[in-house]
N, C-alpha and C. Protein backbone atom coordinates (compact mmCIF):
# COMPACT_ATOMS: atom_id res chain seq x y z
N MET A 1 -30.18 -114.51 107.65
CA MET A 1 -29.89 -113.12 107.52
C MET A 1 -31.14 -112.26 107.42
N ASP A 2 -31.19 -111.26 108.30
CA ASP A 2 -32.40 -110.49 108.33
C ASP A 2 -32.22 -109.32 107.31
N GLN A 3 -33.35 -108.55 107.19
CA GLN A 3 -33.47 -107.57 106.21
C GLN A 3 -32.54 -106.38 106.37
N SER A 4 -32.21 -106.01 107.72
CA SER A 4 -31.26 -104.97 107.92
C SER A 4 -29.81 -105.39 107.55
N GLU A 5 -29.42 -106.64 107.69
CA GLU A 5 -28.13 -107.06 107.28
C GLU A 5 -28.04 -107.02 105.84
N LYS A 6 -29.07 -107.42 105.06
CA LYS A 6 -29.07 -107.41 103.59
C LYS A 6 -28.94 -106.00 103.14
N LEU A 7 -29.63 -105.11 103.82
CA LEU A 7 -29.63 -103.72 103.46
C LEU A 7 -28.19 -103.08 103.70
N LEU A 8 -27.58 -103.54 104.80
CA LEU A 8 -26.20 -103.02 105.12
C LEU A 8 -25.30 -103.52 104.03
N MET A 9 -25.37 -104.88 103.60
CA MET A 9 -24.57 -105.36 102.57
C MET A 9 -24.71 -104.67 101.19
N GLY A 10 -26.00 -104.34 100.98
CA GLY A 10 -26.29 -103.63 99.73
C GLY A 10 -25.62 -102.22 99.74
N ILE A 11 -25.70 -101.57 100.88
CA ILE A 11 -25.14 -100.15 101.00
C ILE A 11 -23.57 -100.33 100.86
N GLU A 12 -23.03 -101.25 101.50
CA GLU A 12 -21.53 -101.52 101.39
C GLU A 12 -21.23 -101.83 99.88
N ASN A 13 -21.96 -102.54 99.22
CA ASN A 13 -21.74 -102.87 97.78
C ASN A 13 -21.77 -101.58 97.00
N ILE A 14 -22.88 -100.79 97.21
CA ILE A 14 -22.99 -99.46 96.52
C ILE A 14 -21.83 -98.62 96.84
N LEU A 15 -21.38 -98.47 98.09
CA LEU A 15 -20.22 -97.66 98.38
C LEU A 15 -18.89 -98.14 97.70
N SER A 16 -18.73 -99.44 97.61
CA SER A 16 -17.57 -100.01 97.00
C SER A 16 -17.59 -99.64 95.53
N VAL A 17 -18.85 -99.78 94.91
CA VAL A 17 -18.88 -99.44 93.41
C VAL A 17 -18.61 -97.92 93.21
N ALA A 18 -19.23 -97.00 94.12
CA ALA A 18 -19.04 -95.65 94.03
C ALA A 18 -17.55 -95.32 94.21
N SER A 19 -16.86 -96.01 95.10
CA SER A 19 -15.37 -95.78 95.30
C SER A 19 -14.54 -96.08 94.00
N ASP A 20 -15.01 -97.24 93.49
CA ASP A 20 -14.37 -97.76 92.24
C ASP A 20 -14.54 -96.74 91.21
N LEU A 21 -15.83 -96.08 91.07
CA LEU A 21 -16.08 -95.13 89.97
C LEU A 21 -15.32 -93.85 90.27
N VAL A 22 -15.17 -93.41 91.48
CA VAL A 22 -14.35 -92.26 91.74
C VAL A 22 -12.86 -92.47 91.30
N ASP A 23 -12.35 -93.68 91.66
CA ASP A 23 -10.96 -93.96 91.24
C ASP A 23 -10.83 -93.96 89.77
N GLU A 24 -11.91 -94.51 89.01
CA GLU A 24 -11.85 -94.52 87.52
C GLU A 24 -11.87 -93.15 86.92
N VAL A 25 -12.70 -92.31 87.53
CA VAL A 25 -12.88 -90.91 87.00
C VAL A 25 -11.53 -90.22 87.18
N ALA A 26 -10.90 -90.39 88.32
CA ALA A 26 -9.53 -89.78 88.58
C ALA A 26 -8.58 -90.30 87.60
N ARG A 27 -8.60 -91.57 87.21
CA ARG A 27 -7.68 -92.16 86.24
C ARG A 27 -7.87 -91.66 84.88
N LEU A 28 -9.25 -91.50 84.48
CA LEU A 28 -9.52 -90.97 83.19
C LEU A 28 -9.10 -89.51 83.10
N LYS A 29 -9.25 -88.75 84.18
CA LYS A 29 -8.89 -87.32 84.11
C LYS A 29 -7.36 -87.24 83.88
N SER A 30 -6.57 -88.17 84.54
CA SER A 30 -5.19 -88.19 84.40
C SER A 30 -4.78 -88.57 82.92
N VAL A 31 -5.54 -89.58 82.37
CA VAL A 31 -5.23 -89.90 80.91
C VAL A 31 -5.62 -88.79 80.04
N GLU A 32 -6.73 -88.04 80.30
CA GLU A 32 -7.04 -86.89 79.49
C GLU A 32 -5.97 -85.82 79.55
N GLU A 33 -5.49 -85.66 80.66
CA GLU A 33 -4.38 -84.52 80.82
C GLU A 33 -3.12 -85.05 80.03
N GLU A 34 -2.85 -86.29 80.15
CA GLU A 34 -1.67 -86.90 79.44
C GLU A 34 -1.99 -86.74 77.91
N CYS A 35 -3.13 -86.94 77.36
CA CYS A 35 -3.43 -86.86 76.00
C CYS A 35 -3.22 -85.42 75.60
N LYS A 36 -3.67 -84.42 76.44
CA LYS A 36 -3.51 -83.03 76.12
C LYS A 36 -2.07 -82.65 75.85
N ILE A 37 -1.27 -83.13 76.85
CA ILE A 37 0.20 -82.87 76.85
C ILE A 37 0.85 -83.50 75.54
N LEU A 38 0.34 -84.71 75.17
CA LEU A 38 1.00 -85.33 74.00
C LEU A 38 0.52 -84.71 72.70
N LYS A 39 -0.77 -84.16 72.68
CA LYS A 39 -1.17 -83.41 71.56
C LYS A 39 -0.35 -82.09 71.37
N GLU A 40 -0.14 -81.45 72.48
CA GLU A 40 0.73 -80.24 72.49
C GLU A 40 2.12 -80.53 71.97
N LYS A 41 2.67 -81.68 72.40
CA LYS A 41 4.09 -81.98 72.01
C LYS A 41 4.05 -82.31 70.40
N VAL A 42 3.05 -83.02 70.01
CA VAL A 42 2.91 -83.33 68.62
C VAL A 42 2.79 -82.04 67.75
N PHE A 43 1.99 -81.15 68.23
CA PHE A 43 1.84 -79.81 67.54
C PHE A 43 3.15 -79.02 67.51
N MET A 44 3.83 -79.01 68.73
CA MET A 44 5.08 -78.28 68.74
C MET A 44 6.14 -78.96 67.81
N ASN A 45 6.22 -80.27 67.85
CA ASN A 45 7.12 -81.04 66.86
C ASN A 45 6.81 -80.68 65.43
N SER A 46 5.51 -80.69 65.06
CA SER A 46 5.13 -80.33 63.72
C SER A 46 5.55 -78.90 63.42
N LEU A 47 5.38 -77.97 64.36
CA LEU A 47 5.67 -76.58 64.16
C LEU A 47 7.20 -76.43 63.93
N LEU A 48 8.02 -77.07 64.81
CA LEU A 48 9.41 -77.10 64.68
C LEU A 48 9.94 -77.62 63.29
N LYS A 49 9.31 -78.67 62.88
CA LYS A 49 9.69 -79.25 61.59
C LYS A 49 9.42 -78.20 60.46
N GLN A 50 8.22 -77.65 60.51
CA GLN A 50 7.89 -76.59 59.51
C GLN A 50 8.83 -75.40 59.59
N ASN A 51 9.20 -75.01 60.71
CA ASN A 51 10.07 -73.85 60.87
C ASN A 51 11.44 -74.25 60.29
N LYS A 52 11.93 -75.53 60.60
CA LYS A 52 13.19 -75.93 60.07
C LYS A 52 13.17 -75.86 58.55
N LYS A 53 12.07 -76.39 57.90
CA LYS A 53 11.95 -76.41 56.50
C LYS A 53 12.05 -74.97 55.98
N PHE A 54 11.22 -74.13 56.65
CA PHE A 54 11.19 -72.73 56.21
C PHE A 54 12.59 -71.97 56.28
N LEU A 55 13.26 -72.20 57.41
CA LEU A 55 14.55 -71.64 57.55
C LEU A 55 15.53 -72.17 56.58
N LEU A 56 15.52 -73.48 56.30
CA LEU A 56 16.36 -74.06 55.26
C LEU A 56 16.07 -73.46 53.88
N LEU A 57 14.81 -73.27 53.56
CA LEU A 57 14.46 -72.70 52.27
C LEU A 57 15.01 -71.18 52.16
N LEU A 58 14.73 -70.58 53.25
CA LEU A 58 15.24 -69.13 53.41
C LEU A 58 16.68 -69.07 53.16
N LEU A 59 17.48 -69.90 53.86
CA LEU A 59 18.89 -69.92 53.73
C LEU A 59 19.36 -70.17 52.32
N MET A 60 18.61 -71.11 51.62
CA MET A 60 18.99 -71.53 50.27
C MET A 60 18.66 -70.21 49.32
N VAL A 61 17.63 -69.48 49.58
CA VAL A 61 17.35 -68.37 48.75
C VAL A 61 18.38 -67.29 48.97
N ILE A 62 18.79 -67.04 50.19
CA ILE A 62 19.85 -66.10 50.42
C ILE A 62 21.21 -66.51 49.93
N LEU A 63 21.50 -67.75 49.97
CA LEU A 63 22.73 -68.16 49.37
C LEU A 63 22.77 -68.13 47.81
N PHE A 64 21.58 -68.42 47.26
CA PHE A 64 21.45 -68.20 45.75
C PHE A 64 21.52 -66.74 45.32
N GLN A 65 20.96 -65.92 46.14
CA GLN A 65 21.01 -64.46 45.85
C GLN A 65 22.54 -63.97 45.95
N ARG A 66 23.15 -64.44 47.00
CA ARG A 66 24.61 -64.10 47.04
C ARG A 66 25.46 -64.61 45.87
N TYR A 67 25.11 -65.87 45.48
CA TYR A 67 25.88 -66.43 44.41
C TYR A 67 25.66 -65.60 43.17
N LYS A 68 24.35 -65.24 42.89
CA LYS A 68 24.09 -64.42 41.73
C LYS A 68 24.83 -63.11 41.76
N THR A 69 24.88 -62.39 42.91
CA THR A 69 25.63 -61.21 43.01
C THR A 69 27.12 -61.39 42.79
N PHE A 70 27.56 -62.45 43.38
CA PHE A 70 29.01 -62.77 43.19
C PHE A 70 29.27 -62.98 41.68
N SER A 71 28.42 -63.83 41.07
CA SER A 71 28.58 -64.15 39.61
C SER A 71 28.56 -62.92 38.77
N ARG A 72 27.56 -62.04 39.08
CA ARG A 72 27.53 -60.73 38.25
C ARG A 72 28.82 -59.95 38.40
N LYS A 73 29.26 -59.78 39.62
CA LYS A 73 30.49 -59.08 39.86
C LYS A 73 31.72 -59.61 39.18
N LYS A 74 31.79 -60.93 39.22
CA LYS A 74 32.82 -61.65 38.55
C LYS A 74 32.81 -61.42 36.99
N SER A 75 31.59 -61.56 36.49
CA SER A 75 31.34 -61.47 35.02
C SER A 75 31.77 -59.99 34.68
N ALA A 76 31.33 -58.98 35.50
CA ALA A 76 31.69 -57.59 35.11
C ALA A 76 33.16 -57.37 35.19
N ARG A 77 33.92 -58.00 36.17
CA ARG A 77 35.32 -57.85 36.27
C ARG A 77 36.05 -58.36 35.04
N LEU A 78 35.54 -59.57 34.66
CA LEU A 78 36.11 -60.27 33.50
C LEU A 78 35.97 -59.44 32.24
N ARG A 79 34.74 -58.83 32.07
CA ARG A 79 34.42 -58.00 30.87
C ARG A 79 35.38 -56.73 30.85
N ILE A 80 35.55 -56.15 32.04
CA ILE A 80 36.37 -55.03 32.13
C ILE A 80 37.84 -55.41 31.80
N LYS A 81 38.25 -56.58 32.30
CA LYS A 81 39.54 -57.04 32.03
C LYS A 81 39.75 -57.28 30.52
N GLU A 82 38.76 -57.77 29.91
CA GLU A 82 38.76 -58.09 28.43
C GLU A 82 38.86 -56.87 27.60
N GLU A 83 38.06 -55.80 28.10
CA GLU A 83 38.01 -54.59 27.49
C GLU A 83 39.40 -53.85 27.49
N VAL A 84 40.01 -53.96 28.67
CA VAL A 84 41.35 -53.29 28.86
C VAL A 84 42.50 -53.95 28.10
N SER A 85 42.35 -55.30 27.88
CA SER A 85 43.33 -56.03 27.16
C SER A 85 43.31 -55.77 25.74
């Protein structure tokens, strides 16, 4: 094998490695994009869970306030009824 054949084989080898590196970079970019999407999904899930907890707490507060109002009105009606009797 002469020197030019060795040189050509070396160049082919370098081109093959370069092609593999380009493929790997493309794969890594794809993985990076997938990671970003998964992070966004995790964030949105967390946000939704927090919103659900907040809305549930808000609903409980509203129901408690309505119950207090109802109880006060009922107590007032009972007092009026007792005073009339």
